[in-house]
Amino acid sequence: MAVFSKEVNKLIKYKDFAPQATAWGFLGRPTEVEPFSAVVSAMNQWIEHNPIQVINVETVVLPKYSSQDMNDGLYVAEYSAGSVSWHQCVRIWYRE
């Protein structure tokens, strides 16, 4: 049996939501970030304002990033004194 749907040709996409810096230290480096609850809130607002079909939501732990657009797939870890900071992020998989 064949099933046809307008959804068949739509590609699966993803969007990452990461904590934003709330305080900066020496040389403009972030010293504090917003809580995880703020990240979840930002994701929920984005879902409300975009006509999408959510497929899955997951938490992802990523190194502290320096890329401006997290959805470009390029995550560049920022190293400081031989250590890396890690942040809990939310990734949403969806179809438009």
Foldseek 3Di string as FASTA:
>chain_A
DDDDDPQVPWDKAKAKFFWDADDADPPRHGPDTDDVVVSVVVVVVVPVVDPKAWDDKDKDKDWDADDPGVRVVDGDFDDDPRDTHITIMMMIIITD
